[in-house]
Structure formats: structure tokens, C-alpha cells
C-alpha atoms as a PDB file:
ATOM      1  CA  MET A   1       4.130  53.399   2.340  1.00  0.00           C
ATOM      2  CA  GLU A   2       5.932  49.861   1.510  1.00  0.00           C
ATOM      3  CA  ARG A   3       4.730  47.475  -1.370  1.00  0.00           C
ATOM      4  CA  LYS A   4       4.445  43.862  -0.563  1.00  0.00           C
ATOM      5  CA  VAL A   5       6.480  41.838  -2.977  1.00  0.00           C
ATOM      6  CA  LYS A   6       4.335  39.234  -4.826  1.00  0.00           C
ATOM      7  CA  LYS A   7       5.222  35.782  -4.041  1.00  0.00           C
ATOM      8  CA  ILE A   8       8.134  34.795  -6.749  1.00  0.00           C
ATOM      9  CA  SER A   9       8.252  31.709  -8.378  1.00  0.00           C
ATOM     10  CA  LYS A  10      11.084  29.370  -8.411  1.00  0.00           C
ATOM     11  CA  HIS A  11      12.336  30.026 -11.461  1.00  0.00           C
ATOM     12  CA  VAL A  12      12.597  33.262 -10.783  1.00  0.00           C
ATOM     13  CA  LEU A  13      14.575  32.970  -8.090  1.00  0.00           C
ATOM     14  CA  ALA A  14      17.214  30.293  -9.666  1.00  0.00           C
ATOM     15  CA  VAL A  15      18.140  33.397 -11.942  1.00  0.00           C
ATOM     16  CA  VAL A  16      18.185  35.837  -9.100  1.00  0.00           C
ATOM     17  CA  GLN A  17      20.310  33.355  -7.617  1.00  0.00           C
ATOM     18  CA  ARG A  18      23.044  32.791 -10.681  1.00  0.00           C
ATOM     19  CA  ILE A  19      23.430  36.409 -10.863  1.00  0.00           C
ATOM     20  CA  ILE A  20      24.739  36.336  -7.459  1.00  0.00           C
ATOM     21  CA  ILE A  21      27.118  33.748  -7.604  1.00  0.00           C
ATOM     22  CA  LEU A  22      28.592  35.361 -10.443  1.00  0.00           C
ATOM     23  CA  LEU A  23      28.711  38.706  -8.701  1.00  0.00           C
ATOM     24  CA  MET A  24      30.272  37.048  -5.509  1.00  0.00           C
ATOM     25  CA  ILE A  25      32.844  35.279  -8.023  1.00  0.00           C
ATOM     26  CA  LYS A  26      33.730  38.547  -9.451  1.00  0.00           C
ATOM     27  CA  GLU A  27      33.971  39.925  -6.072  1.00  0.00           C
ATOM     28  CA  GLY A  28      36.585  37.502  -5.521  1.00  0.00           C
ATOM     29  CA  LYS A  29      33.849  36.371  -2.467  1.00  0.00           C
ATOM     30  CA  ILE A  30      34.114  32.462  -3.858  1.00  0.00           C
ATOM     31  CA  ASP A  31      36.605  31.358  -6.157  1.00  0.00           C
ATOM     32  CA  SER A  32      34.900  28.868  -7.932  1.00  0.00           C
ATOM     33  CA  LEU A  33      31.185  27.059  -8.967  1.00  0.00           C
ATOM     34  CA  ASN A  34      32.914  23.866  -8.128  1.00  0.00           C
ATOM     35  CA  ARG A  35      33.791  24.844  -4.652  1.00  0.00           C
ATOM     36  CA  LEU A  36      29.986  25.371  -4.246  1.00  0.00           C
ATOM     37  CA  ARG A  37      28.154  22.655  -5.052  1.00  0.00           C
ATOM     38  CA  GLY A  38      26.996  20.669  -2.557  1.00  0.00           C
ATOM     39  CA  GLU A  39      27.861  23.271   0.562  1.00  0.00           C
ATOM     40  CA  PRO A  40      25.124  24.649   2.170  1.00  0.00           C
ATOM     41  CA  LEU A  41      25.561  28.016   0.258  1.00  0.00           C
ATOM     42  CA  ILE A  42      23.353  27.647  -2.644  1.00  0.00           C
ATOM     43  CA  GLY A  43      20.134  26.828  -0.743  1.00  0.00           C
ATOM     44  CA  GLU A  44      21.245  29.821   1.462  1.00  0.00           C
ATOM     45  CA  ILE A  45      21.244  31.820  -0.984  1.00  0.00           C
ATOM     46  CA  ILE A  46      18.256  30.510  -2.795  1.00  0.00           C
ATOM     47  CA  ASN A  47      16.143  30.911   0.717  1.00  0.00           C
ATOM     48  CA  ILE A  48      17.646  34.415   0.870  1.00  0.00           C
ATOM     49  CA  LYS A  49      14.077  36.779   0.366  1.00  0.00           C
ATOM     50  CA  LEU A  50      14.138  39.693  -2.150  1.00  0.00           C
ATOM     51  CA  LYS A  51      14.243  42.368   0.703  1.00  0.00           C
ATOM     52  CA  GLU A  52      17.443  40.338   2.526  1.00  0.00           C
ATOM     53  CA  LEU A  53      18.969  40.923  -0.450  1.00  0.00           C
ATOM     54  CA  ALA A  54      18.032  44.578  -1.294  1.00  0.00           C
ATOM     55  CA  GLU A  55      19.719  44.837   2.292  1.00  0.00           C
ATOM     56  CA  LEU A  56      22.247  43.333   1.851  1.00  0.00           C
ATOM     57  CA  GLY A  57      23.044  46.032  -1.111  1.00  0.00           C
ATOM     58  CA  LEU A  58      23.412  42.890  -3.863  1.00  0.00           C
ATOM     59  CA  ILE A  59      19.971  44.513  -5.944  1.00  0.00           C
ATOM     60  CA  LYS A  60      17.993  47.263  -5.793  1.00  0.00           C
ATOM     61  CA  VAL A  61      14.304  46.866  -5.818  1.00  0.00           C
ATOM     62  CA  THR A  62      11.893  49.328  -7.251  1.00  0.00           C
ATOM     63  CA  SER A  63       8.938  49.523  -8.112  1.00  0.00           C
ATOM     64  CA  ASN A  64       5.938  50.943 -10.565  1.00  0.00           C
ATOM     65  CA  LYS A  65       2.764  50.699 -12.352  1.00  0.00           C
ATOM     66  CA  THR A  66       4.037  49.296 -15.962  1.00  0.00           C
ATOM     67  CA  LYS A  67       6.715  46.762 -14.278  1.00  0.00           C
ATOM     68  CA  PRO A  68       5.947  46.059 -10.908  1.00  0.00           C
ATOM     69  CA  PHE A  69       9.127  44.900  -9.386  1.00  0.00           C
ATOM     70  CA  GLU A  70      12.659  45.554 -11.537  1.00  0.00           C
ATOM     71  CA  LEU A  71      15.816  43.873  -9.693  1.00  0.00           C
ATOM     72  CA  THR A  72      19.006  45.645 -10.618  1.00  0.00           C
ATOM     73  CA  ALA A  73      22.216  43.660  -9.490  1.00  0.00           C
ATOM     74  CA  LYS A  74      24.650  45.951  -7.988  1.00  0.00           C
ATOM     75  CA  GLY A  75      28.556  45.501 -10.454  1.00  0.00           C
ATOM     76  CA  ASP A  76      29.782  45.587 -13.489  1.00  0.00           C
ATOM     77  CA  ALA A  77      27.590  42.830 -14.105  1.00  0.00           C
ATOM     78  CA  ALA A  78      24.535  45.090 -13.779  1.00  0.00           C
ATOM     79  CA  ALA A  79      21.795  42.404 -14.889  1.00  0.00           C
ATOM     80  CA  ASP A  80      18.079  43.819 -14.863  1.00  0.00           C
ATOM     81  CA  ILE A  81      15.918  41.601 -14.158  1.00  0.00           C
ATOM     82  CA  SER A  82      12.073  42.861 -14.752  1.00  0.00           C
ATOM     83  CA  LEU A  83       9.684  40.832 -13.037  1.00  0.00           C
ATOM     84  CA  PHE A  84       5.883  40.657 -13.752  1.00  0.00           C
ATOM     85  CA  ASN A  85       3.397  38.628 -12.375  1.00  0.00           C
ATOM     86  CA  GLY A  86       6.554  36.718 -10.668  1.00  0.00           C
ATOM     87  CA  HIS A  87       8.067  35.864 -14.373  1.00  0.00           C
ATOM     88  CA  ALA A  88      11.755  37.037 -15.928  1.00  0.00           C
ATOM     89  CA  PHE A  89      10.606  38.521 -19.211  1.00  0.00           C
ATOM     90  CA  TYR A  90      13.909  40.249 -19.339  1.00  0.00           C
ATOM     91  CA  LEU A  91      17.849  39.877 -18.724  1.00  0.00           C
ATOM     92  CA  ARG A  92      20.725  40.915 -20.268  1.00  0.00           C
ATOM     93  CA  ILE A  93      22.143  37.367 -20.131  1.00  0.00           C
ATOM     94  CA  ASN A  94      24.697  38.471 -22.508  1.00  0.00           C
ATOM     95  CA  GLU A  95      26.978  40.534 -19.940  1.00  0.00           C
ATOM     96  CA  ILE A  96      26.498  38.251 -17.333  1.00  0.00           C
ATOM     97  CA  LYS A  97      28.129  35.222 -19.633  1.00  0.00           C
ATOM     98  CA  GLN A  98      30.973  37.814 -20.533  1.00  0.00           C
ATOM     99  CA  VAL A  99      31.912  38.262 -17.062  1.00  0.00           C
ATOM    100  CA  PHE A 100      31.973  35.135 -16.559  1.00  0.00           C
ATOM    101  CA  ASP A 101      33.710  34.374 -19.477  1.00  0.00           C
ATOM    102  CA  ASN A 102      36.386  36.826 -18.454  1.00  0.00           C
ATOM    103  CA  TRP A 103      36.982  34.944 -15.138  1.00  0.00           C
ATOM    104  CA  LYS A 104      37.228  31.943 -16.673  1.00  0.00           C
ATOM    105  CA  GLU A 105      40.577  33.591 -18.866  1.00  0.00           C
ATOM    106  CA  GLN A 106      41.675  35.225 -15.737  1.00  0.00           C
ATOM    107  CA  MET A 107      41.614  31.831 -14.051  1.00  0.00           C
ATOM    108  CA  ARG A 108      43.542  30.283 -16.924  1.00  0.00           C
ATOM    109  CA  GLU A 109      46.286  32.987 -16.857  1.00  0.00           C
ATOM    110  CA  LYS A 110      46.547  32.512 -13.180  1.00  0.00           C
ATOM    111  CA  GLN A 111      47.186  28.776 -14.155  1.00  0.00           C
ATOM    112  CA  LYS A 112      49.601  29.315 -16.728  1.00  0.00           C
ATOM    113  CA  GLY A 113      51.348  32.142 -14.941  1.00  0.00           C
ATOM    114  CA  GLY A 114      51.715  29.928 -11.918  1.00  0.00           C
ATOM    115  CA  LYS A 115      53.381  27.045 -13.865  1.00  0.00           C
ATOM    116  CA  ASP A 116      55.937  29.285 -15.608  1.00  0.00           C
ATOM    117  CA  GLU A 117      57.316  30.688 -12.262  1.00  0.00           C
ATOM    118  CA  GLU A 118      57.886  27.070 -11.405  1.00  0.00           C
ATOM    119  CA  LYS A 119      60.021  26.472 -14.127  1.00  0.00           C
ATOM    120  CA  THR A 120      61.569  29.879 -13.585  1.00  0.00           C
ATOM    121  CA  LYS A 121      62.556  28.884 -10.021  1.00  0.00           C
ATOM    122  CA  LYS A 122      64.275  25.155 -10.994  1.00  0.00           C
END
């Protein structure tokens, strides 16, 4: 028996969207948040239904009586969002922030590395 997903609030979709963007950055599918601005990708992510996200393997949707919906994002950033009556009441935001901070640090090191290589070539 397939359980119907309740209508999800825009706030919750925005949280899911951020998690997916961070996971995509971590997996190297997108190289920066700046590249996303003004491009249709963000709109597409917001409009994707939870079921479609689950089919893509980005999230797992489980359901029980105490927590009507639980979303679990795949990967090291594993962000758990429990949805109750369309509101997100739990999100392991620090883990996501840590992944993003690590990514920013790696980008800085790559830029420094590139400058050092240019100096050694001269």
C-alpha cells in the first residue's frame, strides 16, 4: 500500500533544496553556488516532487505513525529531516555546514596550489 505524501510547505522544500545543492557540490556535480544563481537548476530542484527525489536516490522517504515522513539524504552529509504536518522540526544543519566548510577550504587550497604551480613554471 503506497502512502500519499502530504502537501509539503515551501519552507521544507527550501531546506531539501539546500541539502541537495550541498550534496551535489560535494559529489562534484556542480562546482559552485555562484554558478547556480539565475540558472534554471534551482527552480527545477524546488519543483521536483519528493517521490522523484527518492527515485533519483537523493533522498529516502520512510513513514510511520510517530513521524509521518522522514527524509534521509544520501552521502556523508546525511541530513535527516523529519516532517510533521508539513514542517521541518529537525535538521542536522551542523553536518551540512561542515561539509560546505570543507568544500570551501578545498577550493581555497586548489586556488593556492594553482598559483604555486605558476610560480615554479617561471
